[in-house]
Amino acid sequence: MVRIRGQIGDWPVDLTVELDAQDWAQLAQHVRAEALPATAVEPPKPADAPAASDALWQTTLQLVRQAGQVEGPQLLAQLAGLAGSEAAGKRLLVRLRHCAQVRMEAGVDAPIYHWVVQ
């Protein structure tokens, strides 16, 4: 589920969009296609109809896995777009910090997230 809140001119906007696992996978494919070189894009792996939050988590892991390493601000921008808000993107970054498959190191200007080969 994606919730969009804000304003268009003077009008308040509060919109909720429900996405199933297939919708999340399709959205992630478009984001990856724009964010990564064409040679690095792989189709999403089929899942057994996970909940939207599980699909979002799997997409998050797939973004880091395909990039190999990615700077925090770039990753946050991608995750905020997928999750629907910067706050939700930040929650995913925190979750990545505690994930055994991802190693975070302090870069000069920003943290760098690395995929750990297993």
N, C-alpha and C. Protein backbone atom coordinates (compact mmCIF):
# COMPACT_ATOMS: atom_id res chain seq x y z
N MET A 1 0.85 -1.16 0.00
CA MET A 1 0.00 0.00 0.00
C MET A 1 0.90 1.23 0.00
N VAL A 2 0.56 2.19 -0.81
CA VAL A 2 1.29 3.45 -0.89
C VAL A 2 0.32 4.56 -0.52
N ARG A 3 0.75 5.39 0.40
CA ARG A 3 -0.10 6.51 0.80
C ARG A 3 0.58 7.79 0.36
N ILE A 4 -0.15 8.62 -0.33
CA ILE A 4 0.36 9.89 -0.84
C ILE A 4 -0.43 11.00 -0.18
N ARG A 5 0.31 11.85 0.54
CA ARG A 5 -0.33 12.98 1.20
C ARG A 5 0.40 14.25 0.82
N GLY A 6 -0.32 15.31 0.67
CA GLY A 6 0.29 16.59 0.33
C GLY A 6 -0.78 17.56 -0.12
N GLN A 7 -0.38 18.46 -1.01
CA GLN A 7 -1.32 19.46 -1.51
C GLN A 7 -1.06 19.68 -2.99
N ILE A 8 -2.14 19.95 -3.69
CA ILE A 8 -2.07 20.42 -5.06
C ILE A 8 -2.70 21.79 -5.04
N GLY A 9 -1.84 22.80 -5.10
CA GLY A 9 -2.35 24.16 -4.92
C GLY A 9 -2.89 24.30 -3.51
N ASP A 10 -4.15 24.72 -3.40
CA ASP A 10 -4.79 24.88 -2.10
C ASP A 10 -5.55 23.62 -1.66
N TRP A 11 -5.59 22.61 -2.51
CA TRP A 11 -6.36 21.40 -2.21
C TRP A 11 -5.53 20.36 -1.50
N PRO A 12 -6.00 19.87 -0.36
CA PRO A 12 -5.28 18.78 0.31
C PRO A 12 -5.48 17.46 -0.45
N VAL A 13 -4.44 16.64 -0.44
CA VAL A 13 -4.49 15.34 -1.12
C VAL A 13 -4.15 14.26 -0.11
N ASP A 14 -4.98 13.24 -0.03
CA ASP A 14 -4.72 12.06 0.80
C ASP A 14 -5.19 10.86 0.00
N LEU A 15 -4.23 10.19 -0.66
CA LEU A 15 -4.54 9.13 -1.59
C LEU A 15 -3.86 7.85 -1.15
N THR A 16 -4.59 6.76 -1.14
CA THR A 16 -4.03 5.45 -0.82
C THR A 16 -4.16 4.58 -2.06
N VAL A 17 -3.03 3.97 -2.46
CA VAL A 17 -2.99 3.09 -3.62
C VAL A 17 -2.54 1.72 -3.15
N GLU A 18 -3.32 0.71 -3.43
CA GLU A 18 -2.96 -0.65 -3.05
C GLU A 18 -2.32 -1.34 -4.24
N LEU A 19 -1.15 -1.95 -3.99
CA LEU A 19 -0.42 -2.66 -5.03
C LEU A 19 -0.21 -4.10 -4.59
N ASP A 20 -0.41 -5.04 -5.50
CA ASP A 20 -0.13 -6.43 -5.16
C ASP A 20 1.32 -6.74 -5.53
N ALA A 21 1.76 -7.94 -5.27
CA ALA A 21 3.16 -8.33 -5.49
C ALA A 21 3.58 -8.11 -6.94
N GLN A 22 2.71 -8.41 -7.88
CA GLN A 22 3.04 -8.23 -9.29
C GLN A 22 3.23 -6.75 -9.62
N ASP A 23 2.39 -5.88 -9.05
CA ASP A 23 2.52 -4.44 -9.28
C ASP A 23 3.85 -3.92 -8.74
N TRP A 24 4.23 -4.37 -7.54
CA TRP A 24 5.51 -3.94 -6.95
C TRP A 24 6.68 -4.39 -7.83
N ALA A 25 6.61 -5.62 -8.31
CA ALA A 25 7.69 -6.15 -9.15
C ALA A 25 7.79 -5.34 -10.44
N GLN A 26 6.66 -5.00 -11.03
CA GLN A 26 6.67 -4.22 -12.26
C GLN A 26 7.21 -2.82 -12.00
N LEU A 27 6.81 -2.20 -10.90
CA LEU A 27 7.32 -0.89 -10.54
C LEU A 27 8.82 -0.93 -10.30
N ALA A 28 9.27 -1.93 -9.60
CA ALA A 28 10.70 -2.08 -9.32
C ALA A 28 11.49 -2.26 -10.60
N GLN A 29 10.94 -2.97 -11.56
CA GLN A 29 11.64 -3.19 -12.82
C GLN A 29 11.84 -1.85 -13.54
N HIS A 30 10.86 -0.97 -13.49
CA HIS A 30 11.00 0.34 -14.13
C HIS A 30 12.02 1.21 -13.41
N VAL A 31 12.03 1.16 -12.10
CA VAL A 31 12.99 1.96 -11.33
C VAL A 31 14.40 1.47 -11.60
N ARG A 32 14.60 0.15 -11.61
CA ARG A 32 15.93 -0.41 -11.88
C ARG A 32 16.38 -0.06 -13.28
N ALA A 33 15.46 -0.08 -14.23
CA ALA A 33 15.81 0.21 -15.62
C ALA A 33 16.34 1.63 -15.75
N GLU A 34 15.83 2.56 -14.96
CA GLU A 34 16.29 3.94 -15.00
C GLU A 34 17.55 4.13 -14.18
N ALA A 35 17.68 3.40 -13.08
CA ALA A 35 18.77 3.64 -12.15
C ALA A 35 20.05 2.89 -12.50
N LEU A 36 19.95 1.76 -13.19
CA LEU A 36 21.11 0.92 -13.47
C LEU A 36 21.33 0.82 -14.97
N PRO A 37 22.57 0.53 -15.40
CA PRO A 37 22.82 0.30 -16.82
C PRO A 37 21.98 -0.88 -17.31
N ALA A 38 21.64 -0.87 -18.59
CA ALA A 38 20.76 -1.89 -19.16
C ALA A 38 21.33 -3.29 -18.99
N THR A 39 22.65 -3.44 -18.96
CA THR A 39 23.24 -4.76 -18.84
C THR A 39 23.06 -5.34 -17.45
N ALA A 40 22.78 -4.50 -16.44
CA ALA A 40 22.66 -4.97 -15.07
C ALA A 40 21.22 -5.32 -14.69
N VAL A 41 20.25 -4.99 -15.56
CA VAL A 41 18.85 -5.20 -15.23
C VAL A 41 18.47 -6.66 -15.46
N GLU A 42 17.90 -7.28 -14.44
CA GLU A 42 17.39 -8.63 -14.55
C GLU A 42 15.91 -8.60 -14.23
N PRO A 43 15.14 -9.48 -14.84
CA PRO A 43 13.71 -9.52 -14.48
C PRO A 43 13.54 -9.98 -13.05
N PRO A 44 12.51 -9.50 -12.36
CA PRO A 44 12.29 -9.93 -10.99
C PRO A 44 12.01 -11.43 -10.92
N LYS A 45 12.46 -12.04 -9.85
CA LYS A 45 12.24 -13.46 -9.65
C LYS A 45 10.82 -13.67 -9.15
N PRO A 46 10.13 -14.69 -9.66
CA PRO A 46 8.76 -14.91 -9.21
C PRO A 46 8.73 -15.27 -7.73
N ALA A 47 7.69 -14.79 -7.07
CA ALA A 47 7.52 -15.06 -5.65
C ALA A 47 6.18 -15.75 -5.44
N ASP A 48 6.00 -16.34 -4.30
CA ASP A 48 4.75 -17.02 -3.98
C ASP A 48 3.77 -16.05 -3.35
N ALA A 49 3.40 -15.00 -4.10
CA ALA A 49 2.43 -13.99 -3.69
C ALA A 49 2.69 -13.46 -2.28
N PRO A 50 3.87 -12.83 -2.03
CA PRO A 50 4.14 -12.29 -0.71
C PRO A 50 3.30 -11.04 -0.46
N ALA A 51 3.23 -10.67 0.79
CA ALA A 51 2.53 -9.44 1.15
C ALA A 51 3.29 -8.26 0.54
N ALA A 52 2.63 -7.12 0.40
CA ALA A 52 3.25 -5.96 -0.24
C ALA A 52 4.54 -5.55 0.47
N SER A 53 4.55 -5.59 1.80
CA SER A 53 5.76 -5.20 2.53
C SER A 53 6.90 -6.18 2.26
N ASP A 54 6.57 -7.48 2.13
CA ASP A 54 7.59 -8.47 1.80
C ASP A 54 8.12 -8.25 0.39
N ALA A 55 7.23 -7.91 -0.53
CA ALA A 55 7.65 -7.64 -1.90
C ALA A 55 8.54 -6.40 -1.94
N LEU A 56 8.19 -5.40 -1.17
CA LEU A 56 9.01 -4.19 -1.10
C LEU A 56 10.39 -4.50 -0.52
N TRP A 57 10.44 -5.34 0.51
CA TRP A 57 11.72 -5.73 1.11
C TRP A 57 12.56 -6.52 0.11
N GLN A 58 11.93 -7.44 -0.60
CA GLN A 58 12.66 -8.22 -1.61
C GLN A 58 13.18 -7.32 -2.73
N THR A 59 12.39 -6.33 -3.11
CA THR A 59 12.83 -5.37 -4.13
C THR A 59 14.00 -4.54 -3.62
N THR A 60 13.95 -4.17 -2.34
CA THR A 60 15.04 -3.43 -1.73
C THR A 60 16.33 -4.25 -1.77
N LEU A 61 16.24 -5.51 -1.38
CA LEU A 61 17.42 -6.38 -1.42
C LEU A 61 17.93 -6.55 -2.84
N GLN A 62 17.02 -6.67 -3.79
CA GLN A 62 17.41 -6.86 -5.18
C GLN A 62 18.11 -5.62 -5.72
N LEU A 63 17.68 -4.43 -5.31
CA LEU A 63 18.35 -3.20 -5.74
C LEU A 63 19.81 -3.19 -5.29
N VAL A 64 20.04 -3.53 -4.02
CA VAL A 64 21.40 -3.54 -3.50
C VAL A 64 22.21 -4.65 -4.15
N ARG A 65 21.61 -5.81 -4.31
CA ARG A 65 22.30 -6.96 -4.91
C ARG A 65 22.76 -6.62 -6.33
N GLN A 66 21.89 -6.04 -7.13
CA GLN A 66 22.23 -5.72 -8.51
C GLN A 66 23.25 -4.60 -8.61
N ALA A 67 23.19 -3.66 -7.71
CA ALA A 67 24.16 -2.55 -7.74
C ALA A 67 25.52 -3.01 -7.24
N GLY A 68 25.54 -3.98 -6.33
CA GLY A 68 26.81 -4.40 -5.73
C GLY A 68 27.16 -3.49 -4.56
N GLN A 69 27.18 -2.21 -4.84
CA GLN A 69 27.34 -1.20 -3.79
C GLN A 69 26.64 0.07 -4.26
N VAL A 70 26.08 0.79 -3.31
CA VAL A 70 25.33 1.99 -3.65
C VAL A 70 25.43 2.97 -2.48
N GLU A 71 25.55 4.25 -2.80
CA GLU A 71 25.61 5.28 -1.76
C GLU A 71 24.23 5.49 -1.16
N GLY A 72 24.23 5.83 0.13
CA GLY A 72 22.99 6.01 0.87
C GLY A 72 21.99 6.97 0.25
N PRO A 73 22.41 8.19 -0.14
CA PRO A 73 21.43 9.13 -0.70
C PRO A 73 20.77 8.62 -1.99
N GLN A 74 21.55 7.97 -2.85
CA GLN A 74 20.99 7.42 -4.08
C GLN A 74 20.00 6.30 -3.75
N LEU A 75 20.38 5.43 -2.83
CA LEU A 75 19.51 4.34 -2.43
C LEU A 75 18.24 4.87 -1.76
N LEU A 76 18.39 5.87 -0.91
CA LEU A 76 17.22 6.46 -0.26
C LEU A 76 16.25 7.02 -1.28
N ALA A 77 16.74 7.68 -2.30
CA ALA A 77 15.86 8.24 -3.33
C ALA A 77 15.09 7.13 -4.03
N GLN A 78 15.77 6.02 -4.35
CA GLN A 78 15.09 4.90 -5.00
C GLN A 78 14.05 4.28 -4.08
N LEU A 79 14.43 4.08 -2.82
CA LEU A 79 13.51 3.44 -1.88
C LEU A 79 12.32 4.33 -1.55
N ALA A 80 12.55 5.63 -1.44
CA ALA A 80 11.44 6.55 -1.17
C ALA A 80 10.45 6.51 -2.33
N GLY A 81 10.95 6.42 -3.55
CA GLY A 81 10.06 6.31 -4.70
C GLY A 81 9.25 5.02 -4.68
N LEU A 82 9.90 3.93 -4.30
CA LEU A 82 9.21 2.64 -4.24
C LEU A 82 8.21 2.58 -3.08
N ALA A 83 8.64 3.09 -1.93
CA ALA A 83 7.82 2.96 -0.71
C ALA A 83 6.75 4.04 -0.60
N GLY A 84 6.90 5.12 -1.34
CA GLY A 84 5.88 6.16 -1.31
C GLY A 84 6.19 7.35 -0.45
N SER A 85 7.25 7.28 0.35
CA SER A 85 7.63 8.44 1.17
C SER A 85 9.08 8.30 1.61
N GLU A 86 9.65 9.42 1.95
CA GLU A 86 11.04 9.41 2.42
C GLU A 86 11.14 8.68 3.76
N ALA A 87 10.14 8.84 4.61
CA ALA A 87 10.15 8.16 5.91
C ALA A 87 10.15 6.64 5.73
N ALA A 88 9.34 6.14 4.81
CA ALA A 88 9.31 4.70 4.56
C ALA A 88 10.63 4.24 3.96
N GLY A 89 11.23 5.07 3.10
CA GLY A 89 12.54 4.75 2.55
C GLY A 89 13.60 4.67 3.62
N LYS A 90 13.54 5.58 4.59
CA LYS A 90 14.50 5.57 5.71
C LYS A 90 14.32 4.32 6.57
N ARG A 91 13.08 3.88 6.75
CA ARG A 91 12.85 2.65 7.52
C ARG A 91 13.49 1.45 6.83
N LEU A 92 13.42 1.43 5.52
CA LEU A 92 14.06 0.35 4.77
C LEU A 92 15.58 0.41 4.90
N LEU A 93 16.15 1.62 4.91
CA LEU A 93 17.60 1.76 5.11
C LEU A 93 18.02 1.23 6.48
N VAL A 94 17.23 1.53 7.50
CA VAL A 94 17.53 1.02 8.85
C VAL A 94 17.47 -0.50 8.85
N ARG A 95 16.48 -1.04 8.19
CA ARG A 95 16.36 -2.50 8.11
C ARG A 95 17.56 -3.11 7.39
N LEU A 96 18.05 -2.42 6.35
CA LEU A 96 19.23 -2.90 5.63
C LEU A 96 20.46 -2.94 6.53
N ARG A 97 20.56 -1.98 7.45
CA ARG A 97 21.72 -1.94 8.35
C ARG A 97 21.80 -3.17 9.24
N HIS A 98 20.67 -3.80 9.47
CA HIS A 98 20.62 -4.97 10.34
C HIS A 98 20.52 -6.27 9.55
N CYS A 99 20.64 -6.19 8.23
CA CYS A 99 20.50 -7.35 7.36
C CYS A 99 21.86 -8.01 7.16
N ALA A 100 21.92 -9.32 7.32
CA ALA A 100 23.18 -10.06 7.18
C ALA A 100 23.71 -10.04 5.75
N GLN A 101 22.85 -9.79 4.78
CA GLN A 101 23.27 -9.79 3.38
C GLN A 101 23.85 -8.45 2.94
N VAL A 102 23.76 -7.44 3.79
CA VAL A 102 24.21 -6.10 3.42
C VAL A 102 25.19 -5.59 4.48
N ARG A 103 26.28 -5.01 3.99
CA ARG A 103 27.27 -4.39 4.88
C ARG A 103 27.28 -2.90 4.58
N MET A 104 27.24 -2.10 5.63
CA MET A 104 27.27 -0.65 5.46
C MET A 104 28.61 -0.14 5.95
N GLU A 105 29.21 0.74 5.17
CA GLU A 105 30.45 1.37 5.60
C GLU A 105 30.30 2.88 5.48
N ALA A 106 31.03 3.58 6.31
CA ALA A 106 30.98 5.04 6.27
C ALA A 106 31.85 5.53 5.12
N GLY A 107 31.23 6.17 4.16
CA GLY A 107 31.96 6.77 3.05
C GLY A 107 32.40 8.17 3.43
N VAL A 108 33.10 8.83 2.54
CA VAL A 108 33.58 10.18 2.81
C VAL A 108 32.41 11.14 3.04
N ASP A 109 31.43 11.09 2.14
CA ASP A 109 30.28 12.00 2.24
C ASP A 109 28.99 11.33 2.67
N ALA A 110 28.90 10.02 2.49
CA ALA A 110 27.64 9.32 2.78
C ALA A 110 27.94 7.85 3.03
N PRO A 111 27.04 7.16 3.73
CA PRO A 111 27.24 5.72 3.92
C PRO A 111 27.13 4.99 2.58
N ILE A 112 27.85 3.88 2.49
CA ILE A 112 27.82 3.05 1.29
C ILE A 112 27.32 1.67 1.70
N TYR A 113 26.31 1.19 0.99
CA TYR A 113 25.72 -0.11 1.25
C TYR A 113 26.32 -1.11 0.25
N HIS A 114 26.87 -2.21 0.77
CA HIS A 114 27.49 -3.24 -0.05
C HIS A 114 26.71 -4.54 0.07
N TRP A 115 26.54 -5.23 -1.05
CA TRP A 115 25.94 -6.55 -1.04
C TRP A 115 27.03 -7.54 -0.63
N VAL A 116 26.75 -8.37 0.35
CA VAL A 116 27.70 -9.37 0.82
C VAL A 116 27.43 -10.68 0.08
N VAL A 117 28.40 -11.16 -0.66
CA VAL A 117 28.24 -12.41 -1.43
C VAL A 117 28.12 -13.57 -0.47
N GLN A 118 27.10 -14.39 -0.68
CA GLN A 118 26.87 -15.54 0.21
C GLN A 118 26.82 -16.80 -0.56
